Amino acid sequence: MEKVLLEINDLKTYFSRTDGRDIKAVDGVSFKIREQETVCVVGESGCGKSMTALSVMGLVPKPRGRIAGGEIFFEGKDLTKLGNDEMCGIRGNRISMIFQEPMTSLNPVMTVGKQINESLLVHGKATKKDAMKRVKEMLKTVGISRIDKIVNEYPHQLSGGMRQRVMIAMALICEPSLLIADEPTTALDVTIQAQVLDLMRELKTKVKTAVLFITHDLGVVADMADTVVVMYAGQAVEIAPADELFSRPSHPYTRALLESIPYIDREMETLFSINGTVPDAAFFPEGCRFAERCAFYDNTICSANSTVDLKELEEGHYMRCMRNAGRLQADE
């Protein structure tokens, strides 16, 4: 068993509203990532996936945003207690991030080569003389041809797939221990998406990095994940090994997400969808936050206003549900 690289304990990331109420974007999330492990975080928009990643990176938007509680241990250090200078030494060096949209994440007035080169120079990983050589080697590694020309081009001159490869090269150039990928294939077509995922798997083995992969796509989760964290309304509602989660999902929300996937060999008159929407983060209900949308809601069990804790069903498999005493049966 690999040792724990990142451990998030009861993380709470809040945003202050002008009326004094807090928007609880992340509200008590806990999970671990081991060395060279891929952990996929999945859930609908507004569930707190990206904000969890930004909290790890120390990039919570200020002044409204803040980490209101919890711990983020990375390589034995609590990142929530580090100053900006210390975080700058970790960010882009020991922890790197691929953002959702490369066109808005890359600097439009800097050439590709200079942007990747900057990471090496800032973190002292190469001299000016050797840095561009390293940049070209990494661009070759991520499958970019015409390297001598590409390093002198600007982001708008590249295709979406090429820009995403540049982002991956930039994220991995310093050989981080942890790579955070926030929906890195969302803006790409299916063919390029497959190429990028294959590339990430290959580089994970080569660079020996752990990956925190955020996505909406359960097909990608099945293909990439060792462990899956299902988030809903700012909380982790189920955590399990990928094979276990897909073969025996426990939380009603997880089951609903899996039911939403269309299958070619399944006769379906209409596509399944989950009724309702994720509740407003400023007005989360007491007790179970999924109750209003849950197909297994039971007024005698689920109506309590008490806190719903994340409990272990069996080794490595956790669920946050009022009906935690036993697994939900398929015929319920």
Protein backbone atom coordinates (compact mmCIF):
# COMPACT_ATOMS: atom_id res chain seq x y z
CA MET A 1 0.00 0.00 0.00
CA GLU A 2 1.43 3.36 -1.07
CA LYS A 3 1.69 6.02 1.63
CA VAL A 4 -0.81 8.89 1.82
CA LEU A 5 0.27 11.91 -0.25
CA LEU A 6 -2.72 14.22 0.30
CA GLU A 7 -5.20 14.05 3.17
CA ILE A 8 -8.19 16.39 3.34
CA ASN A 9 -9.96 16.45 6.70
CA ASP A 10 -13.36 18.15 7.16
CA LEU A 11 -12.56 20.90 4.64
CA LYS A 12 -14.91 23.88 4.67
CA THR A 13 -14.57 26.59 2.03
CA TYR A 14 -17.09 29.39 2.40
CA PHE A 15 -17.90 32.63 0.60
CA SER A 16 -19.35 35.64 2.43
CA ARG A 17 -22.51 37.26 1.05
CA THR A 18 -23.36 40.91 1.51
CA ASP A 19 -26.27 39.91 3.79
CA GLY A 20 -23.87 38.15 6.17
CA ARG A 21 -24.88 34.63 5.16
CA ASP A 22 -22.19 32.14 4.07
CA ILE A 23 -22.23 30.27 0.77
CA LYS A 24 -20.95 26.83 1.76
CA ALA A 25 -19.22 25.78 -1.47
CA VAL A 26 -17.34 22.98 0.31
CA ASP A 27 -18.82 21.86 3.61
CA GLY A 28 -16.98 19.12 5.47
CA VAL A 29 -15.19 17.15 2.73
CA SER A 30 -12.69 14.44 3.72
CA PHE A 31 -10.72 12.00 1.55
CA LYS A 32 -7.17 10.79 0.89
CA ILE A 33 -4.94 10.36 -2.15
CA ARG A 34 -2.06 7.92 -2.03
CA GLU A 35 1.14 8.14 -4.04
CA GLN A 36 0.57 7.36 -7.75
CA GLU A 37 -3.18 6.90 -7.17
CA THR A 38 -5.88 8.40 -9.40
CA VAL A 39 -8.85 9.73 -7.44
CA CYS A 40 -11.80 10.93 -9.50
CA VAL A 41 -14.25 13.45 -8.04
CA VAL A 42 -17.66 13.36 -9.71
CA GLY A 43 -20.97 15.17 -9.27
CA GLU A 44 -23.24 17.76 -10.84
CA SER A 45 -22.24 21.38 -11.36
CA GLY A 46 -22.39 23.30 -8.09
CA CYS A 47 -21.44 20.35 -5.90
CA GLY A 48 -18.06 21.80 -4.86
CA LYS A 49 -15.65 19.76 -7.00
CA SER A 50 -13.63 22.62 -8.50
CA MET A 51 -13.64 24.60 -5.26
CA THR A 52 -12.15 21.60 -3.45
CA ALA A 53 -9.32 21.61 -5.99
CA LEU A 54 -8.80 25.38 -5.71
CA SER A 55 -8.67 25.01 -1.92
CA VAL A 56 -5.83 22.51 -2.25
CA MET A 57 -3.99 24.88 -4.58
CA GLY A 58 -4.51 27.86 -2.25
CA LEU A 59 -6.42 29.69 -4.99
CA VAL A 60 -9.75 30.35 -3.28
CA PRO A 61 -10.99 33.70 -4.70
CA LYS A 62 -10.54 36.54 -2.20
CA PRO A 63 -11.67 38.63 -0.42
CA ARG A 64 -15.06 36.89 -0.26
CA GLY A 65 -13.71 33.34 -0.21
CA ARG A 66 -11.94 31.66 2.70
CA ILE A 67 -11.11 28.27 4.14
CA ALA A 68 -13.38 28.32 7.19
CA GLY A 69 -12.21 25.05 8.69
CA GLY A 70 -10.51 21.72 8.19
CA GLU A 71 -7.03 20.59 7.21
CA ILE A 72 -5.24 19.84 3.93
CA PHE A 73 -2.14 17.77 4.62
CA PHE A 74 0.26 17.42 1.68
CA GLU A 75 3.53 15.55 2.22
CA GLY A 76 3.04 16.08 5.96
CA LYS A 77 2.38 19.85 5.80
CA ASP A 78 -0.98 21.48 6.48
CA LEU A 79 -1.43 23.73 3.45
CA THR A 80 -4.10 25.80 5.20
CA LYS A 81 -1.45 27.14 7.58
CA LEU A 82 1.13 28.11 4.96
CA GLY A 83 1.72 31.69 3.83
CA ASN A 84 1.57 32.83 0.22
CA ASP A 85 5.34 32.57 -0.32
CA GLU A 86 5.39 28.98 0.91
CA MET A 87 2.39 28.08 -1.26
CA CYS A 88 4.10 29.61 -4.28
CA GLY A 89 6.96 27.19 -3.71
CA ILE A 90 4.54 24.24 -3.80
CA ARG A 91 2.08 25.44 -6.44
CA GLY A 92 3.25 24.50 -9.94
CA ASN A 93 6.16 22.60 -8.41
CA ARG A 94 4.96 19.85 -6.04
CA ILE A 95 1.28 20.30 -6.95
CA SER A 96 0.22 21.31 -10.48
CA MET A 97 -3.20 21.91 -11.98
CA ILE A 98 -4.75 21.61 -15.42
CA PHE A 99 -7.70 24.00 -15.61
CA GLN A 100 -10.99 23.46 -17.44
CA GLU A 101 -10.49 25.77 -20.41
CA PRO A 102 -6.91 26.13 -21.75
CA MET A 103 -7.76 29.19 -23.86
CA THR A 104 -8.57 31.21 -20.75
CA SER A 105 -5.84 29.61 -18.63
CA LEU A 106 -2.92 30.34 -20.95
CA ASN A 107 -1.52 33.87 -21.24
CA PRO A 108 -2.58 35.18 -24.67
CA VAL A 109 0.41 37.55 -24.99
CA MET A 110 3.15 35.06 -24.12
CA THR A 111 4.51 32.39 -26.44
CA VAL A 112 3.95 28.75 -25.54
CA GLY A 113 7.65 28.12 -24.95
CA LYS A 114 8.02 31.11 -22.62
CA GLN A 115 5.00 30.11 -20.53
CA ILE A 116 6.25 26.57 -19.93
CA ASN A 117 9.80 27.83 -19.49
CA GLU A 118 8.66 30.18 -16.70
CA SER A 119 7.71 27.28 -14.37
CA LEU A 120 11.20 25.83 -14.56
CA LEU A 121 12.90 29.16 -13.92
CA VAL A 122 10.62 30.28 -11.06
CA HIS A 123 11.12 27.02 -9.16
CA GLY A 124 14.84 26.79 -9.96
CA LYS A 125 14.51 23.50 -11.82
CA ALA A 126 16.74 24.57 -14.70
CA THR A 127 19.06 27.34 -15.84
CA LYS A 128 18.08 29.71 -18.64
CA LYS A 129 20.47 27.80 -20.90
CA ASP A 130 18.89 24.40 -20.22
CA ALA A 131 15.25 25.42 -19.68
CA MET A 132 14.18 25.63 -23.34
CA LYS A 133 15.74 22.24 -24.02
CA ARG A 134 13.62 20.78 -21.21
CA VAL A 135 10.54 22.53 -22.61
CA LYS A 136 11.04 20.99 -26.04
CA GLU A 137 11.56 17.54 -24.52
CA MET A 138 8.29 17.84 -22.59
CA LEU A 139 6.37 19.05 -25.64
CA LYS A 140 7.65 16.02 -27.50
CA THR A 141 6.57 13.81 -24.60
CA VAL A 142 2.99 15.12 -24.78
CA GLY A 143 2.85 14.35 -28.49
CA ILE A 144 3.35 17.76 -30.08
CA SER A 145 5.13 17.89 -33.43
CA ARG A 146 6.75 20.92 -35.10
CA ILE A 147 8.20 21.77 -31.69
CA ASP A 148 10.65 24.42 -32.90
CA LYS A 149 7.73 26.33 -34.41
CA ILE A 150 5.21 25.70 -31.61
CA VAL A 151 7.41 27.17 -28.86
CA ASN A 152 7.32 30.52 -30.64
CA GLU A 153 3.56 30.52 -31.26
CA TYR A 154 0.77 32.02 -29.15
CA PRO A 155 -2.20 30.09 -27.67
CA HIS A 156 -4.72 31.45 -30.22
CA GLN A 157 -2.66 29.91 -33.02
CA LEU A 158 -3.18 26.38 -31.65
CA SER A 159 -6.15 24.01 -31.78
CA GLY A 160 -8.06 23.07 -28.61
CA GLY A 161 -6.30 19.70 -28.39
CA MET A 162 -2.88 21.31 -28.84
CA ARG A 163 -3.61 23.92 -26.16
CA GLN A 164 -4.63 21.19 -23.74
CA ARG A 165 -1.40 19.31 -24.45
CA VAL A 166 0.51 22.51 -23.73
CA MET A 167 -1.34 22.81 -20.41
CA ILE A 168 -0.41 19.23 -19.55
CA ALA A 169 3.22 19.90 -20.48
CA MET A 170 3.22 23.01 -18.29
CA ALA A 171 1.69 21.11 -15.37
CA LEU A 172 4.17 18.21 -15.57
CA ILE A 173 7.38 20.07 -16.46
CA CYS A 174 8.45 20.24 -12.79
CA GLU A 175 7.47 16.59 -12.18
CA PRO A 176 4.92 17.24 -9.40
CA SER A 177 3.87 14.67 -6.82
CA LEU A 178 0.22 15.58 -7.39
CA LEU A 179 -1.53 16.62 -10.58
CA ILE A 180 -5.01 18.15 -10.31
CA ALA A 181 -6.99 17.90 -13.56
CA ASP A 182 -10.21 19.94 -13.47
CA GLU A 183 -12.35 18.62 -16.32
CA PRO A 184 -9.40 18.72 -18.75
CA THR A 185 -11.36 17.15 -21.63
CA THR A 186 -14.70 18.98 -21.35
CA ALA A 187 -14.06 21.40 -24.23
CA LEU A 188 -12.57 18.76 -26.55
CA ASP A 189 -14.20 16.51 -29.14
CA VAL A 190 -14.40 12.78 -28.49
CA THR A 191 -11.33 11.82 -30.53
CA ILE A 192 -9.06 14.42 -28.92
CA GLN A 193 -10.52 13.57 -25.50
CA ALA A 194 -9.45 9.94 -25.90
CA GLN A 195 -5.95 11.02 -26.95
CA VAL A 196 -5.60 13.34 -23.93
CA LEU A 197 -6.76 10.62 -21.50
CA ASP A 198 -4.32 8.11 -23.01
CA LEU A 199 -1.58 10.70 -22.69
CA MET A 200 -2.39 11.37 -19.02
CA ARG A 201 -2.31 7.65 -18.20
CA GLU A 202 1.04 7.28 -19.93
CA LEU A 203 2.56 10.32 -18.24
CA LYS A 204 1.23 9.29 -14.83
CA THR A 205 3.29 6.11 -15.10
CA LYS A 206 6.33 7.89 -16.51
CA VAL A 207 6.41 10.83 -14.08
CA LYS A 208 5.02 8.73 -11.17
CA THR A 209 2.51 11.32 -10.06
CA ALA A 210 -0.81 11.00 -8.25
CA VAL A 211 -3.86 12.49 -9.96
CA LEU A 212 -6.95 14.25 -8.62
CA PHE A 213 -9.28 14.10 -11.62
CA ILE A 214 -12.48 16.18 -11.62
CA THR A 215 -15.13 15.30 -14.19
CA HIS A 216 -18.83 14.97 -14.99
CA ASP A 217 -18.19 12.02 -17.30
CA LEU A 218 -18.71 8.66 -15.58
CA GLY A 219 -17.22 6.93 -18.62
CA VAL A 220 -13.97 8.77 -17.96
CA VAL A 221 -14.23 7.84 -14.27
CA ALA A 222 -14.58 4.15 -15.11
CA ASP A 223 -11.56 4.39 -17.39
CA MET A 224 -9.25 6.45 -15.16
CA ALA A 225 -10.09 6.04 -11.46
CA ASP A 226 -8.62 3.90 -8.72
CA THR A 227 -10.92 5.56 -6.17
CA VAL A 228 -14.08 7.63 -6.72
CA VAL A 229 -15.38 10.48 -4.56
CA VAL A 230 -19.02 11.34 -5.30
CA MET A 231 -19.86 14.90 -4.22
CA TYR A 232 -23.26 16.49 -3.72
CA ALA A 233 -24.12 19.90 -2.25
CA GLY A 234 -20.62 20.56 -0.92
CA GLN A 235 -20.20 17.15 0.70
CA ALA A 236 -18.74 13.76 -0.20
CA VAL A 237 -21.73 11.39 -0.16
CA GLU A 238 -19.89 8.24 -1.24
CA ILE A 239 -16.25 7.20 -1.46
CA ALA A 240 -15.27 3.79 -2.82
CA PRO A 241 -12.79 1.92 -5.03
CA ALA A 242 -13.86 2.41 -8.65
CA ASP A 243 -14.74 -1.25 -9.31
CA GLU A 244 -16.78 -1.41 -6.11
CA LEU A 245 -18.64 1.80 -6.83
CA PHE A 246 -19.70 0.76 -10.33
CA SER A 247 -20.64 -2.80 -9.37
CA ARG A 248 -22.36 -2.00 -6.06
CA PRO A 249 -23.24 1.70 -5.74
CA SER A 250 -24.74 2.49 -2.33
CA HIS A 251 -25.85 6.11 -2.07
CA PRO A 252 -29.11 7.01 -3.87
CA TYR A 253 -27.35 9.90 -5.62
CA THR A 254 -24.60 7.63 -6.95
CA ARG A 255 -27.20 5.18 -8.17
CA ALA A 256 -29.13 7.97 -9.88
CA LEU A 257 -25.98 9.22 -11.63
CA LEU A 258 -25.23 5.73 -12.94
CA GLU A 259 -28.84 5.29 -14.01
CA SER A 260 -28.50 8.47 -16.08
CA ILE A 261 -25.92 6.87 -18.36
CA PRO A 262 -27.44 5.73 -21.69
CA TYR A 263 -26.47 2.21 -22.79
CA ILE A 264 -26.65 0.94 -26.38
CA ASP A 265 -27.84 -2.52 -25.32
CA ARG A 266 -30.54 -1.23 -22.93
CA GLU A 267 -34.06 -0.57 -24.19
CA MET A 268 -35.04 2.91 -23.04
CA GLU A 269 -38.10 4.86 -24.08
CA THR A 270 -36.76 8.00 -22.41
CA LEU A 271 -33.43 8.90 -20.84
CA PHE A 272 -33.43 8.87 -17.05
CA SER A 273 -32.83 12.17 -15.28
CA ILE A 274 -32.68 13.21 -11.63
CA ASN A 275 -35.58 15.45 -10.70
CA GLY A 276 -34.82 18.89 -9.30
CA THR A 277 -31.50 20.70 -8.93
CA VAL A 278 -28.65 20.97 -6.46
CA PRO A 279 -29.82 23.20 -3.56
CA ASP A 280 -28.50 26.74 -3.16
CA ALA A 281 -25.23 26.63 -1.21
CA ALA A 282 -26.42 29.51 0.94
CA PHE A 283 -29.59 27.66 1.96
CA PHE A 284 -28.66 24.01 2.38
CA PRO A 285 -31.41 22.05 4.17
CA GLU A 286 -30.84 20.46 7.56
CA GLY A 287 -30.15 16.74 7.54
CA CYS A 288 -29.85 14.94 4.19
CA ARG A 289 -29.26 17.41 1.36
CA PHE A 290 -30.42 14.96 -1.30
CA ALA A 291 -33.74 14.11 0.41
CA GLU A 292 -35.96 16.22 -1.87
CA ARG A 293 -34.63 14.48 -4.98
CA CYS A 294 -34.17 10.98 -3.55
CA ALA A 295 -36.14 8.06 -5.01
CA PHE A 296 -35.63 6.15 -1.74
CA TYR A 297 -36.89 8.89 0.57
CA ASP A 298 -38.68 7.54 3.65
CA ASN A 299 -40.41 10.10 5.86
CA THR A 300 -39.93 7.98 9.00
CA ILE A 301 -36.16 7.72 8.47
CA CYS A 302 -35.11 10.69 6.39
CA SER A 303 -37.08 13.53 7.97
CA ALA A 304 -34.74 14.01 10.93
CA ASN A 305 -32.89 17.32 11.05
CA SER A 306 -29.76 15.83 12.54
CA THR A 307 -26.37 15.85 10.80
CA VAL A 308 -25.79 13.00 8.35
CA ASP A 309 -22.26 11.65 8.84
CA LEU A 310 -20.04 9.82 6.38
CA LYS A 311 -19.84 6.24 7.67
CA GLU A 312 -17.83 3.23 6.56
CA LEU A 313 -19.96 0.43 5.09
CA GLU A 314 -16.97 -1.83 4.67
CA GLU A 315 -13.23 -1.35 4.27
CA GLY A 316 -12.59 1.57 1.91
CA HIS A 317 -16.29 2.16 1.11
CA TYR A 318 -18.02 5.12 2.77
CA MET A 319 -21.55 6.53 2.44
CA ARG A 320 -23.40 9.56 3.83
CA CYS A 321 -27.04 8.50 4.20
CA MET A 322 -29.75 8.21 6.87
CA ARG A 323 -30.20 4.61 5.76
CA ASN A 324 -26.58 3.76 6.51
CA ALA A 325 -27.53 0.74 8.60
CA GLY A 326 -27.50 -1.41 5.47
CA ARG A 327 -27.17 -1.20 1.70
CA LEU A 328 -30.16 -0.07 -0.31
CA GLN A 329 -31.64 -3.07 -2.02
CA ALA A 330 -32.13 -3.10 -5.78
CA ASP A 331 -35.86 -3.80 -5.43
CA GLU A 332 -36.54 -0.87 -3.09
